[in-house]
C-alpha atoms as a PDB file:
ATOM      1  CA  MET A   1      37.755 173.386 114.154  1.00  0.00           C
ATOM      2  CA  VAL A   2      34.844 175.076 115.878  1.00  0.00           C
ATOM      3  CA  GLU A   3      36.302 174.192 119.293  1.00  0.00           C
ATOM      4  CA  ALA A   4      39.674 175.678 118.294  1.00  0.00           C
ATOM      5  CA  GLN A   5      38.042 178.933 117.182  1.00  0.00           C
ATOM      6  CA  GLY A   6      36.012 179.063 120.404  1.00  0.00           C
ATOM      7  CA  PHE A   7      39.154 178.551 122.492  1.00  0.00           C
ATOM      8  CA  ARG A   8      41.043 181.283 120.626  1.00  0.00           C
ATOM      9  CA  ARG A   9      38.102 183.624 121.084  1.00  0.00           C
ATOM     10  CA  PHE A  10      38.043 182.822 124.810  1.00  0.00           C
ATOM     11  CA  VAL A  11      41.784 183.507 125.147  1.00  0.00           C
ATOM     12  CA  ALA A  12      41.448 186.795 123.250  1.00  0.00           C
ATOM     13  CA  HIS A  13      38.554 187.948 125.438  1.00  0.00           C
ATOM     14  CA  PHE A  14      40.369 186.845 128.584  1.00  0.00           C
ATOM     15  CA  ILE A  15      43.456 188.875 127.673  1.00  0.00           C
ATOM     16  CA  LEU A  16      41.214 191.826 126.795  1.00  0.00           C
ATOM     17  CA  TRP A  17      39.499 191.699 130.185  1.00  0.00           C
ATOM     18  CA  ILE A  18      42.874 191.550 131.930  1.00  0.00           C
ATOM     19  CA  GLY A  19      43.931 194.700 130.070  1.00  0.00           C
ATOM     20  CA  ILE A  20      40.676 196.427 131.003  1.00  0.00           C
ATOM     21  CA  ALA A  21      41.184 195.484 134.662  1.00  0.00           C
ATOM     22  CA  ILE A  22      44.747 196.858 134.655  1.00  0.00           C
ATOM     23  CA  VAL A  23      43.574 200.164 133.186  1.00  0.00           C
ATOM     24  CA  ALA A  24      40.366 200.469 135.223  1.00  0.00           C
ATOM     25  CA  PHE A  25      41.727 199.504 138.661  1.00  0.00           C
ATOM     26  CA  PRO A  26      43.590 202.817 139.283  1.00  0.00           C
ATOM     27  CA  VAL A  27      40.432 204.712 138.281  1.00  0.00           C
ATOM     28  CA  TYR A  28      38.361 202.606 140.663  1.00  0.00           C
ATOM     29  CA  LEU A  29      40.942 203.148 143.405  1.00  0.00           C
ATOM     30  CA  ALA A  30      40.758 206.913 142.878  1.00  0.00           C
ATOM     31  CA  PHE A  31      36.967 206.780 143.162  1.00  0.00           C
ATOM     32  CA  VAL A  32      37.148 204.697 146.357  1.00  0.00           C
ATOM     33  CA  ALA A  33      39.684 207.120 147.852  1.00  0.00           C
ATOM     34  CA  SER A  34      37.355 210.008 147.044  1.00  0.00           C
ATOM     35  CA  THR A  35      34.705 208.461 149.290  1.00  0.00           C
ATOM     36  CA  GLN A  36      36.968 207.915 152.311  1.00  0.00           C
ATOM     37  CA  ASP A  37      37.976 210.220 155.154  1.00  0.00           C
ATOM     38  CA  ALA A  38      41.448 211.770 155.242  1.00  0.00           C
ATOM     39  CA  ALA A  39      42.570 209.819 158.325  1.00  0.00           C
ATOM     40  CA  SER A  40      41.934 206.425 156.714  1.00  0.00           C
ATOM     41  CA  ILE A  41      44.027 207.313 153.658  1.00  0.00           C
ATOM     42  CA  ALA A  42      46.830 208.890 155.690  1.00  0.00           C
ATOM     43  CA  ASN A  43      47.062 205.858 157.984  1.00  0.00           C
ATOM     44  CA  GLY A  44      47.070 203.385 155.115  1.00  0.00           C
ATOM     45  CA  GLN A  45      43.770 201.854 156.241  1.00  0.00           C
ATOM     46  CA  MET A  46      41.739 202.659 153.148  1.00  0.00           C
ATOM     47  CA  SER A  47      39.209 200.025 152.204  1.00  0.00           C
ATOM     48  CA  LEU A  48      38.777 198.699 148.686  1.00  0.00           C
ATOM     49  CA  LEU A  49      35.050 199.358 148.980  1.00  0.00           C
ATOM     50  CA  PRO A  50      33.478 202.839 148.674  1.00  0.00           C
ATOM     51  CA  GLY A  51      33.219 204.712 151.958  1.00  0.00           C
ATOM     52  CA  SER A  52      30.473 206.786 153.517  1.00  0.00           C
ATOM     53  CA  HIS A  53      31.828 210.264 152.680  1.00  0.00           C
ATOM     54  CA  LEU A  54      30.932 210.387 148.995  1.00  0.00           C
ATOM     55  CA  ILE A  55      28.352 213.194 149.092  1.00  0.00           C
ATOM     56  CA  GLU A  56      30.293 215.160 151.690  1.00  0.00           C
ATOM     57  CA  ASN A  57      33.610 215.015 149.810  1.00  0.00           C
ATOM     58  CA  TYR A  58      32.187 215.807 146.371  1.00  0.00           C
ATOM     59  CA  THR A  59      30.030 218.647 147.701  1.00  0.00           C
ATOM     60  CA  ARG A  60      33.024 220.216 149.376  1.00  0.00           C
ATOM     61  CA  THR A  61      35.202 219.692 146.313  1.00  0.00           C
ATOM     62  CA  LEU A  62      32.744 221.289 143.901  1.00  0.00           C
ATOM     63  CA  PHE A  63      31.530 224.219 145.976  1.00  0.00           C
ATOM     64  CA  VAL A  64      34.057 224.871 148.773  1.00  0.00           C
ATOM     65  CA  GLY A  65      37.544 223.780 147.718  1.00  0.00           C
ATOM     66  CA  SER A  66      40.548 222.584 149.658  1.00  0.00           C
ATOM     67  CA  SER A  67      42.618 224.306 152.313  1.00  0.00           C
ATOM     68  CA  GLY A  68      45.897 223.791 150.449  1.00  0.00           C
ATOM     69  CA  SER A  69      47.691 226.024 147.949  1.00  0.00           C
ATOM     70  CA  THR A  70      44.496 226.515 145.939  1.00  0.00           C
ATOM     71  CA  ARG A  71      41.307 227.568 147.688  1.00  0.00           C
ATOM     72  CA  GLU A  72      38.996 227.895 144.692  1.00  0.00           C
ATOM     73  CA  PRO A  73      36.149 225.386 144.310  1.00  0.00           C
ATOM     74  CA  VAL A  74      36.746 222.725 141.718  1.00  0.00           C
ATOM     75  CA  GLY A  75      33.564 223.820 139.943  1.00  0.00           C
ATOM     76  CA  VAL A  76      35.381 227.015 138.919  1.00  0.00           C
ATOM     77  CA  MET A  77      38.373 225.009 137.666  1.00  0.00           C
ATOM     78  CA  LEU A  78      36.088 222.688 135.703  1.00  0.00           C
ATOM     79  CA  PHE A  79      34.443 225.666 134.025  1.00  0.00           C
ATOM     80  CA  ASN A  80      37.824 227.186 133.120  1.00  0.00           C
ATOM     81  CA  SER A  81      39.060 223.883 131.681  1.00  0.00           C
ATOM     82  CA  LEU A  82      35.816 223.419 129.759  1.00  0.00           C
ATOM     83  CA  VAL A  83      36.031 226.903 128.240  1.00  0.00           C
ATOM     84  CA  MET A  84      39.661 226.336 127.318  1.00  0.00           C
ATOM     85  CA  ALA A  85      39.121 222.881 125.806  1.00  0.00           C
ATOM     86  CA  LEU A  86      36.018 223.881 123.817  1.00  0.00           C
ATOM     87  CA  SER A  87      37.583 227.110 122.559  1.00  0.00           C
ATOM     88  CA  ILE A  88      40.755 225.358 121.444  1.00  0.00           C
ATOM     89  CA  ALA A  89      38.901 222.489 119.750  1.00  0.00           C
ATOM     90  CA  ILE A  90      36.315 224.642 117.966  1.00  0.00           C
ATOM     91  CA  GLY A  91      38.839 227.361 117.109  1.00  0.00           C
ATOM     92  CA  LYS A  92      41.386 224.921 115.677  1.00  0.00           C
ATOM     93  CA  ILE A  93      38.742 223.209 113.545  1.00  0.00           C
ATOM     94  CA  ALA A  94      37.284 226.502 112.267  1.00  0.00           C
ATOM     95  CA  ILE A  95      40.638 228.024 111.329  1.00  0.00           C
ATOM     96  CA  SER A  96      42.029 224.789 109.879  1.00  0.00           C
ATOM     97  CA  ILE A  97      39.030 223.985 107.687  1.00  0.00           C
ATOM     98  CA  LEU A  98      38.955 227.521 106.293  1.00  0.00           C
ATOM     99  CA  SER A  99      42.690 227.563 105.580  1.00  0.00           C
ATOM    100  CA  ALA A 100      42.528 224.106 103.958  1.00  0.00           C
ATOM    101  CA  TYR A 101      39.559 225.217 101.842  1.00  0.00           C
ATOM    102  CA  ALA A 102      41.476 228.274 100.645  1.00  0.00           C
ATOM    103  CA  ILE A 103      44.593 226.240  99.820  1.00  0.00           C
ATOM    104  CA  VAL A 104      42.730 223.570  97.858  1.00  0.00           C
ATOM    105  CA  TYR A 105      40.019 225.530  96.017  1.00  0.00           C
ATOM    106  CA  PHE A 106      41.558 228.969  95.434  1.00  0.00           C
ATOM    107  CA  ARG A 107      44.421 229.788  93.103  1.00  0.00           C
ATOM    108  CA  PHE A 108      46.627 232.581  94.416  1.00  0.00           C
ATOM    109  CA  PRO A 109      50.376 233.331  94.348  1.00  0.00           C
ATOM    110  CA  PHE A 110      52.610 231.301  96.689  1.00  0.00           C
ATOM    111  CA  ARG A 111      49.709 229.023  97.595  1.00  0.00           C
ATOM    112  CA  MET A 112      51.890 225.944  98.175  1.00  0.00           C
ATOM    113  CA  ALA A 113      54.590 227.996  99.863  1.00  0.00           C
ATOM    114  CA  ILE A 114      52.024 229.193 102.396  1.00  0.00           C
ATOM    115  CA  PHE A 115      50.867 225.615 102.952  1.00  0.00           C
ATOM    116  CA  TRP A 116      54.420 224.443 103.637  1.00  0.00           C
ATOM    117  CA  MET A 117      54.966 227.372 105.982  1.00  0.00           C
ATOM    118  CA  ILE A 118      51.909 226.202 107.930  1.00  0.00           C
ATOM    119  CA  PHE A 119      53.162 222.618 107.842  1.00  0.00           C
ATOM    120  CA  ILE A 120      56.636 223.573 109.114  1.00  0.00           C
ATOM    121  CA  THR A 121      55.082 224.976 112.296  1.00  0.00           C
ATOM    122  CA  LEU A 122      54.639 221.341 113.388  1.00  0.00           C
ATOM    123  CA  MET A 123      58.323 221.502 114.333  1.00  0.00           C
ATOM    124  CA  LEU A 124      57.638 224.466 116.642  1.00  0.00           C
ATOM    125  CA  PRO A 125      55.340 223.290 119.461  1.00  0.00           C
ATOM    126  CA  VAL A 126      54.372 225.556 122.352  1.00  0.00           C
ATOM    127  CA  GLU A 127      57.252 224.293 124.492  1.00  0.00           C
ATOM    128  CA  VAL A 128      59.795 225.491 121.898  1.00  0.00           C
ATOM    129  CA  ARG A 129      58.284 228.983 121.450  1.00  0.00           C
ATOM    130  CA  ILE A 130      57.096 229.377 125.019  1.00  0.00           C
ATOM    131  CA  TYR A 131      58.976 232.603 125.834  1.00  0.00           C
ATOM    132  CA  PRO A 132      58.020 234.690 122.749  1.00  0.00           C
ATOM    133  CA  THR A 133      54.429 233.408 122.990  1.00  0.00           C
ATOM    134  CA  TYR A 134      54.230 234.415 126.647  1.00  0.00           C
ATOM    135  CA  LYS A 135      55.818 237.804 125.888  1.00  0.00           C
ATOM    136  CA  ILE A 136      53.262 238.564 123.178  1.00  0.00           C
ATOM    137  CA  ALA A 137      50.364 237.442 125.386  1.00  0.00           C
ATOM    138  CA  ALA A 138      51.624 239.615 128.237  1.00  0.00           C
ATOM    139  CA  ASP A 139      52.115 242.643 125.973  1.00  0.00           C
ATOM    140  CA  PHE A 140      48.531 242.344 124.738  1.00  0.00           C
ATOM    141  CA  GLY A 141      47.218 242.115 128.301  1.00  0.00           C
ATOM    142  CA  MET A 142      45.991 238.533 127.995  1.00  0.00           C
ATOM    143  CA  LEU A 143      47.323 237.271 131.320  1.00  0.00           C
ATOM    144  CA  ASP A 144      44.646 235.741 133.562  1.00  0.00           C
ATOM    145  CA  SER A 145      42.075 235.723 130.762  1.00  0.00           C
ATOM    146  CA  TYR A 146      40.316 233.172 128.609  1.00  0.00           C
ATOM    147  CA  ALA A 147      41.831 234.807 125.533  1.00  0.00           C
ATOM    148  CA  GLY A 148      45.297 234.172 126.933  1.00  0.00           C
ATOM    149  CA  LEU A 149      44.443 230.561 127.702  1.00  0.00           C
ATOM    150  CA  THR A 150      43.101 229.792 124.238  1.00  0.00           C
ATOM    151  CA  LEU A 151      44.285 232.127 121.451  1.00  0.00           C
ATOM    152  CA  PRO A 152      48.007 231.173 121.486  1.00  0.00           C
ATOM    153  CA  LEU A 153      47.036 227.491 121.108  1.00  0.00           C
ATOM    154  CA  ILE A 154      44.245 227.877 118.573  1.00  0.00           C
ATOM    155  CA  ALA A 155      46.159 227.307 115.305  1.00  0.00           C
ATOM    156  CA  SER A 156      46.783 223.747 114.124  1.00  0.00           C
ATOM    157  CA  ALA A 157      48.940 222.645 111.218  1.00  0.00           C
ATOM    158  CA  THR A 158      47.909 219.011 111.738  1.00  0.00           C
ATOM    159  CA  ALA A 159      44.199 219.765 111.329  1.00  0.00           C
ATOM    160  CA  THR A 160      44.934 221.911 108.264  1.00  0.00           C
ATOM    161  CA  LEU A 161      46.854 219.032 106.706  1.00  0.00           C
ATOM    162  CA  LEU A 162      44.079 216.530 107.438  1.00  0.00           C
ATOM    163  CA  PHE A 163      41.356 218.764 105.992  1.00  0.00           C
ATOM    164  CA  ARG A 164      43.485 219.513 102.930  1.00  0.00           C
ATOM    165  CA  GLN A 165      44.012 215.824 102.268  1.00  0.00           C
ATOM    166  CA  PHE A 166      40.286 215.191 102.645  1.00  0.00           C
ATOM    167  CA  PHE A 167      39.284 218.065 100.357  1.00  0.00           C
ATOM    168  CA  MET A 168      41.635 216.747  97.678  1.00  0.00           C
ATOM    169  CA  THR A 169      39.620 213.497  97.626  1.00  0.00           C
ATOM    170  CA  VAL A 170      36.325 215.324  97.000  1.00  0.00           C
ATOM    171  CA  PRO A 171      35.352 214.832  93.317  1.00  0.00           C
ATOM    172  CA  ASP A 172      35.658 217.893  91.106  1.00  0.00           C
ATOM    173  CA  GLU A 173      32.189 217.106  89.748  1.00  0.00           C
ATOM    174  CA  LEU A 174      30.685 218.390  93.010  1.00  0.00           C
ATOM    175  CA  LEU A 175      32.348 221.773  92.509  1.00  0.00           C
ATOM    176  CA  GLU A 176      31.216 221.913  88.900  1.00  0.00           C
ATOM    177  CA  ALA A 177      27.646 220.954  89.854  1.00  0.00           C
ATOM    178  CA  SER A 178      27.603 223.708  92.473  1.00  0.00           C
ATOM    179  CA  LYS A 179      28.763 226.245  89.900  1.00  0.00           C
ATOM    180  CA  LEU A 180      26.024 225.135  87.524  1.00  0.00           C
ATOM    181  CA  ASP A 181      23.477 225.647  90.300  1.00  0.00           C
ATOM    182  CA  GLY A 182      24.761 229.193  90.752  1.00  0.00           C
ATOM    183  CA  ALA A 183      26.427 228.532  94.112  1.00  0.00           C
ATOM    184  CA  GLY A 184      29.323 230.757  95.061  1.00  0.00           C
ATOM    185  CA  PRO A 185      32.415 229.757  97.026  1.00  0.00           C
ATOM    186  CA  PHE A 186      30.767 230.254 100.421  1.00  0.00           C
ATOM    187  CA  ARG A 187      27.628 228.333  99.391  1.00  0.00           C
ATOM    188  CA  PHE A 188      29.731 225.434  98.097  1.00  0.00           C
ATOM    189  CA  PHE A 189      31.723 225.394 101.326  1.00  0.00           C
ATOM    190  CA  TRP A 190      28.657 225.595 103.588  1.00  0.00           C
ATOM    191  CA  ASP A 191      26.270 223.265 101.741  1.00  0.00           C
ATOM    192  CA  THR A 192      28.689 220.697 100.326  1.00  0.00           C
ATOM    193  CA  LEU A 193      32.063 220.534 102.050  1.00  0.00           C
ATOM    194  CA  LEU A 194      30.918 221.024 105.635  1.00  0.00           C
ATOM    195  CA  PRO A 195      28.396 218.134 105.575  1.00  0.00           C
ATOM    196  CA  LEU A 196      31.004 215.893 103.943  1.00  0.00           C
ATOM    197  CA  SER A 197      33.551 216.858 106.616  1.00  0.00           C
ATOM    198  CA  ARG A 198      31.272 216.059 109.553  1.00  0.00           C
ATOM    199  CA  THR A 199      32.993 212.842 110.610  1.00  0.00           C
ATOM    200  CA  ASN A 200      36.457 214.353 110.177  1.00  0.00           C
ATOM    201  CA  MET A 201      35.481 217.314 112.329  1.00  0.00           C
ATOM    202  CA  ALA A 202      34.090 214.963 114.976  1.00  0.00           C
ATOM    203  CA  ALA A 203      37.306 212.936 115.110  1.00  0.00           C
ATOM    204  CA  LEU A 204      39.411 216.086 115.339  1.00  0.00           C
ATOM    205  CA  PHE A 205      37.096 217.572 117.964  1.00  0.00           C
ATOM    206  CA  VAL A 206      37.629 214.594 120.292  1.00  0.00           C
ATOM    207  CA  ILE A 207      41.409 214.719 119.881  1.00  0.00           C
ATOM    208  CA  LEU A 208      41.651 218.496 120.217  1.00  0.00           C
ATOM    209  CA  PHE A 209      39.246 218.649 123.167  1.00  0.00           C
ATOM    210  CA  ILE A 210      41.406 216.206 125.119  1.00  0.00           C
ATOM    211  CA  TYR A 211      44.509 218.126 124.014  1.00  0.00           C
ATOM    212  CA  GLY A 212      43.088 221.370 125.372  1.00  0.00           C
ATOM    213  CA  TRP A 213      41.743 219.750 128.542  1.00  0.00           C
ATOM    214  CA  ASN A 214      45.135 218.217 129.449  1.00  0.00           C
ATOM    215  CA  GLN A 215      47.179 221.394 128.917  1.00  0.00           C
ATOM    216  CA  TYR A 216      49.502 222.020 131.856  1.00  0.00           C
ATOM    217  CA  LEU A 217      52.507 224.164 130.946  1.00  0.00           C
ATOM    218  CA  TRP A 218      50.687 227.020 129.187  1.00  0.00           C
ATOM    219  CA  PRO A 219      47.934 227.527 131.815  1.00  0.00           C
ATOM    220  CA  LEU A 220      50.627 227.371 134.498  1.00  0.00           C
ATOM    221  CA  LEU A 221      52.418 230.330 132.898  1.00  0.00           C
ATOM    222  CA  ILE A 222      49.501 232.433 131.711  1.00  0.00           C
ATOM    223  CA  THR A 223      47.414 232.332 134.932  1.00  0.00           C
ATOM    224  CA  THR A 224      48.384 233.787 138.293  1.00  0.00           C
ATOM    225  CA  ARG A 225      44.953 234.015 139.939  1.00  0.00           C
ATOM    226  CA  ASP A 226      43.316 230.994 141.525  1.00  0.00           C
ATOM    227  CA  ASP A 227      39.969 231.781 139.904  1.00  0.00           C
ATOM    228  CA  MET A 228      41.506 231.429 136.412  1.00  0.00           C
ATOM    229  CA  GLN A 229      43.437 228.197 136.883  1.00  0.00           C
ATOM    230  CA  THR A 230      42.402 224.982 135.162  1.00  0.00           C
ATOM    231  CA  ILE A 231      41.661 221.706 136.884  1.00  0.00           C
ATOM    232  CA  VAL A 232      44.991 220.152 135.880  1.00  0.00           C
ATOM    233  CA  ILE A 233      46.831 223.000 137.624  1.00  0.00           C
ATOM    234  CA  GLY A 234      44.460 222.722 140.574  1.00  0.00           C
ATOM    235  CA  ILE A 235      45.280 219.048 141.127  1.00  0.00           C
ATOM    236  CA  ARG A 236      48.992 219.831 141.141  1.00  0.00           C
ATOM    237  CA  LYS A 237      48.569 222.649 143.667  1.00  0.00           C
ATOM    238  CA  MET A 238      46.431 220.497 145.960  1.00  0.00           C
ATOM    239  CA  ILE A 239      49.284 218.017 146.409  1.00  0.00           C
ATOM    240  CA  THR A 240      51.435 219.890 148.901  1.00  0.00           C
ATOM    241  CA  THR A 241      55.184 219.365 149.294  1.00  0.00           C
ATOM    242  CA  THR A 242      55.424 220.898 152.753  1.00  0.00           C
ATOM    243  CA  ASP A 243      54.712 219.349 156.133  1.00  0.00           C
ATOM    244  CA  ALA A 244      51.027 220.107 155.737  1.00  0.00           C
ATOM    245  CA  LEU A 245      48.848 217.071 155.227  1.00  0.00           C
ATOM    246  CA  THR A 246      47.551 216.691 151.685  1.00  0.00           C
ATOM    247  CA  GLU A 247      43.777 216.336 151.596  1.00  0.00           C
ATOM    248  CA  TRP A 248      43.769 213.174 149.545  1.00  0.00           C
ATOM    249  CA  PRO A 249      39.972 212.707 149.459  1.00  0.00           C
ATOM    250  CA  ILE A 250      39.616 216.168 147.869  1.00  0.00           C
ATOM    251  CA  VAL A 251      42.482 215.449 145.486  1.00  0.00           C
ATOM    252  CA  MET A 252      40.898 212.153 144.433  1.00  0.00           C
ATOM    253  CA  CYS A 253      37.496 213.805 144.003  1.00  0.00           C
ATOM    254  CA  THR A 254      39.119 216.402 141.774  1.00  0.00           C
ATOM    255  CA  ALA A 255      40.901 213.707 139.753  1.00  0.00           C
ATOM    256  CA  VAL A 256      37.660 211.788 139.221  1.00  0.00           C
ATOM    257  CA  LEU A 257      35.803 214.947 138.208  1.00  0.00           C
ATOM    258  CA  ALA A 258      38.643 215.865 135.836  1.00  0.00           C
ATOM    259  CA  MET A 259      38.215 212.564 134.006  1.00  0.00           C
ATOM    260  CA  LEU A 260      34.472 212.902 133.436  1.00  0.00           C
ATOM    261  CA  PRO A 261      34.289 215.534 130.618  1.00  0.00           C
ATOM    262  CA  PRO A 262      36.881 213.861 128.316  1.00  0.00           C
ATOM    263  CA  VAL A 263      35.287 210.471 128.912  1.00  0.00           C
ATOM    264  CA  ALA A 264      31.844 211.905 128.160  1.00  0.00           C
ATOM    265  CA  VAL A 265      33.084 213.469 124.911  1.00  0.00           C
ATOM    266  CA  VAL A 266      34.675 210.193 123.778  1.00  0.00           C
ATOM    267  CA  ILE A 267      31.564 208.153 124.609  1.00  0.00           C
ATOM    268  CA  LEU A 268      29.106 210.567 123.016  1.00  0.00           C
ATOM    269  CA  MET A 269      31.147 210.957 119.828  1.00  0.00           C
ATOM    270  CA  GLN A 270      32.554 207.441 119.619  1.00  0.00           C
ATOM    271  CA  ARG A 271      30.895 206.425 116.348  1.00  0.00           C
ATOM    272  CA  LEU A 272      31.696 209.652 114.545  1.00  0.00           C
ATOM    273  CA  PHE A 273      35.234 209.529 115.940  1.00  0.00           C
ATOM    274  CA  VAL A 274      35.894 206.036 114.564  1.00  0.00           C
ATOM    275  CA  ARG A 275      34.271 206.842 111.212  1.00  0.00           C
ATOM    276  CA  GLY A 276      36.315 210.035 110.950  1.00  0.00           C
ATOM    277  CA  LEU A 277      39.586 208.173 111.526  1.00  0.00           C
ATOM    278  CA  VAL A 278      38.672 205.464 108.980  1.00  0.00           C
ATOM    279  CA  GLU A 279      37.652 207.990 106.323  1.00  0.00           C
ATOM    280  CA  THR A 280      40.797 210.026 106.946  1.00  0.00           C
ATOM    281  CA  GLU A 281      42.934 206.938 106.321  1.00  0.00           C
ATOM    282  CA  LYS A 282      41.159 206.354 103.022  1.00  0.00           C
END
């Protein structure tokens, strides 16, 4: 019996390691390509071991840029993507938790109708309302600005729904105890609900940060200047479709750098992320 369990455990771990290798090999290949020279990649002679151009390629990528369609350093693109991802994640959480708090704990006319109006917006993603959203952003002068990159994407019906469901599981005794202590609505929200929502906010922050970081269509429309483009747009512009030779080492360096912030967020917030998902399911 013990031998059978050990064999099953070995098979499970073996399959798991195969899956990890399949997922990790393209990432490793991108890193290796980022350390090679352009001639080796263009001629199909790239080695599977890291090359000798690591510092040179990454220094040029971060502070100089490529000679293709985009000439801005990748450091500028990373900063733009970071501002966009953080603003979207923090803004969505702030607006959603406040709207869910109002819907659950305040009694006002058409309260449920307003909630369902928010919920129905799930059927209207950015791709569906792209023209009117762009028109409004342009009319308010938000082209080529951080406000234009973030404000049209900052509302979230999904986060509002998740916070509402969580608030409905909070015992009413906590609200009554806060009232007995003389706490007002803001004090109850700040001292009681926010600490209880910490894991939920962490889980949503990871998901929304990656959502904002990976945005492609909206930044492509709202930005026309190279110094305002995000790293996802920068990677696409670096891959030329003309006869000019694509600088694949710079492209691979950019791809590797683009993966680092989302990976760092997931690793740093892994425990809170898992706990938030488990508590949300309950």
